[in-house]
Structures are given as C-alpha cells and as structure tokens.
C-alpha atoms as a PDB file:
ATOM      1  CA  MET A   1      -9.027   8.726  51.362  1.00  0.00           C
ATOM      2  CA  ARG A   2      -9.181  11.981  49.472  1.00  0.00           C
ATOM      3  CA  GLN A   3      -7.679  12.864  46.091  1.00  0.00           C
ATOM      4  CA  ASP A   4      -5.110  15.222  47.612  1.00  0.00           C
ATOM      5  CA  GLU A   5      -3.806  12.387  49.811  1.00  0.00           C
ATOM      6  CA  LEU A   6      -2.846  10.172  46.827  1.00  0.00           C
ATOM      7  CA  HIS A   7       0.859   9.752  46.104  1.00  0.00           C
ATOM      8  CA  PRO A   8       3.038   7.107  44.418  1.00  0.00           C
ATOM      9  CA  ALA A   9       4.387   4.221  46.473  1.00  0.00           C
ATOM     10  CA  THR A  10       7.790   4.807  48.049  1.00  0.00           C
ATOM     11  CA  GLY A  11      10.699   3.736  45.855  1.00  0.00           C
ATOM     12  CA  CYS A  12       8.756   3.582  42.599  1.00  0.00           C
ATOM     13  CA  ARG A  13       9.754   7.075  41.362  1.00  0.00           C
ATOM     14  CA  ARG A  14      13.439   7.866  40.732  1.00  0.00           C
ATOM     15  CA  PRO A  15      14.670  11.448  40.761  1.00  0.00           C
ATOM     16  CA  ARG A  16      15.648  12.918  37.375  1.00  0.00           C
ATOM     17  CA  LYS A  17      19.375  12.690  36.513  1.00  0.00           C
ATOM     18  CA  ARG A  18      20.608  16.308  36.393  1.00  0.00           C
ATOM     19  CA  ILE A  19      23.619  16.258  34.107  1.00  0.00           C
ATOM     20  CA  GLY A  20      26.121  19.081  33.613  1.00  0.00           C
ATOM     21  CA  ARG A  21      25.592  20.581  37.060  1.00  0.00           C
ATOM     22  CA  GLY A  22      29.167  20.517  38.357  1.00  0.00           C
ATOM     23  CA  ASP A  23      31.660  17.802  39.288  1.00  0.00           C
ATOM     24  CA  GLY A  24      30.192  17.438  42.757  1.00  0.00           C
ATOM     25  CA  SER A  25      26.991  16.016  41.287  1.00  0.00           C
ATOM     26  CA  GLY A  26      28.841  13.070  39.768  1.00  0.00           C
ATOM     27  CA  HIS A  27      27.550  14.021  36.305  1.00  0.00           C
ATOM     28  CA  GLY A  28      29.612  17.103  35.583  1.00  0.00           C
ATOM     29  CA  THR A  29      32.492  17.764  33.118  1.00  0.00           C
ATOM     30  CA  TYR A  30      31.563  15.423  30.226  1.00  0.00           C
ATOM     31  CA  SER A  31      27.926  15.043  31.316  1.00  0.00           C
ATOM     32  CA  THR A  32      27.817  11.237  30.788  1.00  0.00           C
ATOM     33  CA  ARG A  33      28.792  11.623  27.092  1.00  0.00           C
ATOM     34  CA  GLY A  34      32.410  10.427  27.264  1.00  0.00           C
ATOM     35  CA  ILE A  35      35.316  12.288  25.657  1.00  0.00           C
ATOM     36  CA  LYS A  36      34.843  13.672  22.128  1.00  0.00           C
ATOM     37  CA  GLY A  37      33.402  11.792  19.162  1.00  0.00           C
ATOM     38  CA  GLN A  38      30.216  12.040  17.162  1.00  0.00           C
ATOM     39  CA  LYS A  39      27.937  11.022  20.043  1.00  0.00           C
ATOM     40  CA  ALA A  40      29.473  13.644  22.376  1.00  0.00           C
ATOM     41  CA  ARG A  41      28.478  16.568  20.124  1.00  0.00           C
ATOM     42  CA  SER A  42      25.145  18.368  20.167  1.00  0.00           C
ATOM     43  CA  GLY A  43      22.821  16.870  17.581  1.00  0.00           C
ATOM     44  CA  GLY A  44      25.332  14.045  17.191  1.00  0.00           C
ATOM     45  CA  GLY A  45      24.639  10.371  16.747  1.00  0.00           C
ATOM     46  CA  VAL A  46      23.787   8.148  13.832  1.00  0.00           C
ATOM     47  CA  SER A  47      20.327   7.763  12.283  1.00  0.00           C
ATOM     48  CA  PRO A  48      18.297   4.743  13.458  1.00  0.00           C
ATOM     49  CA  HIS A  49      18.637   2.929  10.112  1.00  0.00           C
ATOM     50  CA  PHE A  50      22.434   3.373   9.880  1.00  0.00           C
ATOM     51  CA  GLU A  51      24.193   0.004   9.975  1.00  0.00           C
ATOM     52  CA  GLY A  52      27.832   0.985  10.423  1.00  0.00           C
ATOM     53  CA  GLY A  53      28.559   1.470   6.734  1.00  0.00           C
ATOM     54  CA  GLN A  54      27.014  -1.856   5.681  1.00  0.00           C
ATOM     55  CA  THR A  55      24.409  -1.514   2.916  1.00  0.00           C
ATOM     56  CA  PRO A  56      21.204  -0.783   4.847  1.00  0.00           C
ATOM     57  CA  LEU A  57      18.293  -3.225   4.848  1.00  0.00           C
ATOM     58  CA  VAL A  58      16.135  -0.644   3.068  1.00  0.00           C
ATOM     59  CA  LYS A  59      18.515  -0.658   0.099  1.00  0.00           C
ATOM     60  CA  ARG A  60      19.036  -4.457   0.081  1.00  0.00           C
ATOM     61  CA  LEU A  61      15.355  -5.374  -0.289  1.00  0.00           C
ATOM     62  CA  PRO A  62      13.699  -4.121  -3.489  1.00  0.00           C
ATOM     63  CA  GLN A  63      10.125  -4.340  -2.180  1.00  0.00           C
ATOM     64  CA  LYS A  64      10.945  -2.006   0.683  1.00  0.00           C
ATOM     65  CA  ARG A  65      11.873   0.926  -1.567  1.00  0.00           C
ATOM     66  CA  GLY A  66       9.283   0.527  -4.310  1.00  0.00           C
ATOM     67  CA  PHE A  67      10.008  -2.212  -6.814  1.00  0.00           C
ATOM     68  CA  VAL A  68       8.396  -1.614 -10.243  1.00  0.00           C
ATOM     69  CA  ASN A  69       7.686  -4.595 -12.469  1.00  0.00           C
ATOM     70  CA  ILE A  70       8.444  -3.338 -15.979  1.00  0.00           C
ATOM     71  CA  PHE A  71       6.557  -6.243 -17.578  1.00  0.00           C
ATOM     72  CA  ARG A  72       3.254  -5.538 -15.799  1.00  0.00           C
ATOM     73  CA  THR A  73       0.200  -5.069 -18.019  1.00  0.00           C
ATOM     74  CA  GLU A  74      -2.361  -2.603 -16.708  1.00  0.00           C
ATOM     75  CA  TYR A  75      -5.928  -3.319 -17.801  1.00  0.00           C
ATOM     76  CA  ALA A  76      -9.066  -1.217 -18.030  1.00  0.00           C
ATOM     77  CA  VAL A  77     -11.552  -3.357 -16.094  1.00  0.00           C
ATOM     78  CA  VAL A  78     -15.275  -3.867 -16.634  1.00  0.00           C
ATOM     79  CA  ASN A  79     -17.522  -6.006 -14.428  1.00  0.00           C
ATOM     80  CA  VAL A  80     -20.124  -8.408 -15.859  1.00  0.00           C
ATOM     81  CA  ALA A  81     -22.905  -6.528 -14.015  1.00  0.00           C
ATOM     82  CA  ARG A  82     -22.103  -3.325 -15.978  1.00  0.00           C
ATOM     83  CA  LEU A  83     -22.562  -5.171 -19.301  1.00  0.00           C
ATOM     84  CA  GLY A  84     -26.299  -5.517 -18.529  1.00  0.00           C
ATOM     85  CA  ARG A  85     -26.931  -2.039 -20.001  1.00  0.00           C
ATOM     86  CA  PHE A  86     -26.460  -3.389 -23.540  1.00  0.00           C
ATOM     87  CA  LYS A  87     -29.475  -4.833 -25.382  1.00  0.00           C
ATOM     88  CA  LYS A  88     -30.009  -8.553 -25.922  1.00  0.00           C
ATOM     89  CA  ASN A  89     -27.622 -10.261 -28.424  1.00  0.00           C
ATOM     90  CA  THR A  90     -25.521  -7.101 -28.887  1.00  0.00           C
ATOM     91  CA  LYS A  91     -21.885  -7.418 -29.969  1.00  0.00           C
ATOM     92  CA  VAL A  92     -20.021  -5.649 -27.166  1.00  0.00           C
ATOM     93  CA  THR A  93     -16.723  -4.435 -28.626  1.00  0.00           C
ATOM     94  CA  PRO A  94     -14.056  -2.223 -26.989  1.00  0.00           C
ATOM     95  CA  GLU A  95     -15.305   0.696 -29.133  1.00  0.00           C
ATOM     96  CA  LYS A  96     -18.856   0.259 -27.754  1.00  0.00           C
ATOM     97  CA  LEU A  97     -17.496   0.130 -24.209  1.00  0.00           C
ATOM     98  CA  VAL A  98     -15.789   3.505 -24.735  1.00  0.00           C
ATOM     99  CA  GLU A  99     -18.933   4.894 -26.380  1.00  0.00           C
ATOM    100  CA  SER A 100     -21.107   3.861 -23.416  1.00  0.00           C
ATOM    101  CA  GLY A 101     -18.617   5.299 -20.893  1.00  0.00           C
ATOM    102  CA  LEU A 102     -17.682   1.995 -19.223  1.00  0.00           C
ATOM    103  CA  VAL A 103     -14.051   2.449 -20.335  1.00  0.00           C
ATOM    104  CA  LYS A 104     -12.309   5.824 -20.675  1.00  0.00           C
ATOM    105  CA  SER A 105     -10.111   5.036 -23.670  1.00  0.00           C
ATOM    106  CA  LEU A 106      -8.656   2.239 -25.777  1.00  0.00           C
ATOM    107  CA  SER A 107      -5.101   2.990 -24.605  1.00  0.00           C
ATOM    108  CA  LYS A 108      -5.220   0.054 -22.161  1.00  0.00           C
ATOM    109  CA  PRO A 109      -6.314  -3.522 -22.956  1.00  0.00           C
ATOM    110  CA  ILE A 110      -9.754  -4.435 -21.585  1.00  0.00           C
ATOM    111  CA  LYS A 111     -10.340  -7.128 -18.989  1.00  0.00           C
ATOM    112  CA  VAL A 112     -13.820  -8.367 -18.028  1.00  0.00           C
ATOM    113  CA  LEU A 113     -14.232  -9.315 -14.352  1.00  0.00           C
ATOM    114  CA  GLY A 114     -16.910 -11.623 -12.959  1.00  0.00           C
ATOM    115  CA  ASP A 115     -18.620  -9.399 -10.370  1.00  0.00           C
ATOM    116  CA  GLY A 116     -22.422  -9.284 -10.653  1.00  0.00           C
ATOM    117  CA  LYS A 117     -25.008 -11.065 -12.809  1.00  0.00           C
ATOM    118  CA  LEU A 118     -25.927 -10.982 -16.481  1.00  0.00           C
ATOM    119  CA  ALA A 119     -29.601 -11.473 -17.368  1.00  0.00           C
ATOM    120  CA  HIS A 120     -29.501 -11.729 -21.192  1.00  0.00           C
ATOM    121  CA  PRO A 121     -27.085 -13.111 -23.817  1.00  0.00           C
ATOM    122  CA  LEU A 122     -24.332 -10.899 -25.252  1.00  0.00           C
ATOM    123  CA  VAL A 123     -21.356 -11.414 -27.555  1.00  0.00           C
ATOM    124  CA  VAL A 124     -18.463  -9.833 -25.657  1.00  0.00           C
ATOM    125  CA  LYS A 125     -15.109  -9.003 -27.276  1.00  0.00           C
ATOM    126  CA  ALA A 126     -12.224  -8.084 -24.966  1.00  0.00           C
ATOM    127  CA  ASN A 127      -8.527  -8.751 -24.424  1.00  0.00           C
ATOM    128  CA  ARG A 128      -8.925 -10.833 -21.255  1.00  0.00           C
ATOM    129  CA  PHE A 129     -11.665 -12.531 -19.227  1.00  0.00           C
ATOM    130  CA  THR A 130     -11.557 -13.977 -15.734  1.00  0.00           C
ATOM    131  CA  GLY A 131     -12.873 -17.529 -15.307  1.00  0.00           C
ATOM    132  CA  THR A 132     -16.016 -16.398 -13.480  1.00  0.00           C
ATOM    133  CA  ALA A 133     -16.752 -13.702 -16.089  1.00  0.00           C
ATOM    134  CA  ARG A 134     -16.444 -16.272 -18.876  1.00  0.00           C
ATOM    135  CA  ARG A 135     -18.791 -18.705 -17.052  1.00  0.00           C
ATOM    136  CA  LYS A 136     -21.424 -16.027 -16.301  1.00  0.00           C
ATOM    137  CA  ILE A 137     -21.532 -14.721 -19.877  1.00  0.00           C
ATOM    138  CA  GLU A 138     -21.839 -18.248 -21.292  1.00  0.00           C
ATOM    139  CA  ALA A 139     -24.434 -19.231 -18.635  1.00  0.00           C
ATOM    140  CA  ALA A 140     -26.612 -16.320 -19.808  1.00  0.00           C
ATOM    141  CA  GLY A 141     -26.430 -17.753 -23.341  1.00  0.00           C
ATOM    142  CA  GLY A 142     -23.790 -15.332 -24.572  1.00  0.00           C
ATOM    143  CA  LYS A 143     -20.453 -15.752 -26.253  1.00  0.00           C
ATOM    144  CA  VAL A 144     -16.910 -14.776 -25.250  1.00  0.00           C
ATOM    145  CA  GLU A 145     -14.354 -13.666 -27.865  1.00  0.00           C
ATOM    146  CA  GLU A 146     -10.757 -12.807 -26.942  1.00  0.00           C
ATOM    147  CA  ILE A 147      -9.089 -10.244 -29.168  1.00  0.00           C
END
C-alpha cells in the first residue's frame, strides 16, 4: 500500500452541511436558525456564562472574583538561616534587620520563619515567630523576644 492509496473508511466522513444555498437544498430560507430572535441574528446568542438573568455563578462566589480579606496582616519575612550573618550574642532588632538589608523597611511587622540552621546564639526581637524558628533559635542557645 502506498501513501496516495490511503483514504478514510466508507461512512466515517459526513459531507459538510451547506446552509443558505436555496430551498431545494433543505437548508435554505432561514438556514437552520428558525424565525427571528436573538439567535437568528448575525453575531447573536448569549455569552457562555449567561444564566438566563439569574445572578451568575461568578458573581455568587466571592473567591471566584477576587475576595480580599481586609483583616489580613502582611509580614516582612526573614528566615533563620539569614540571621547567621550577625555576630555571636548580638541583639537582633527590627532596626538592625533594616540596616543589614534583610528587611526593606519597618512599615510591615517582621516575622521570623524556620528555614535553615543557626550556628551561634542570638537574641532575636520580632513581631512573630513560627514554631520551628523559635525552636531553632533556642536550640542554638539564643533567645526569642516578641515585640
């Protein structure tokens, strides 16, 4: 068998419906669109999310259109591993974190996360600490102080 001899099996391909080609074709006059109405016009029809005038699902569910929690607190985060740049027994305050470049500004409260290791003891002052951050700082012989 050669490539030019290939063709689809008989009966598996239907001919295209040619609408608007005269009454003799069976699809003339209204061209399968019915008589008048929105769906008979060019460009007519409703959008896929239209639900017949009922409040659409998109508007009923807040999370689908961008719900904003007005009580959310956004923190400036610092990982435990980044605190290793301070010398042994240093008091790490929010001002020192800004000075060293770990935090951009004091406009947001500071939260210390527990990613990484801490080799030497430090006294860390911040607004919040995760459980793992607290354990790692204290395991290194340091102290945790919430502001």
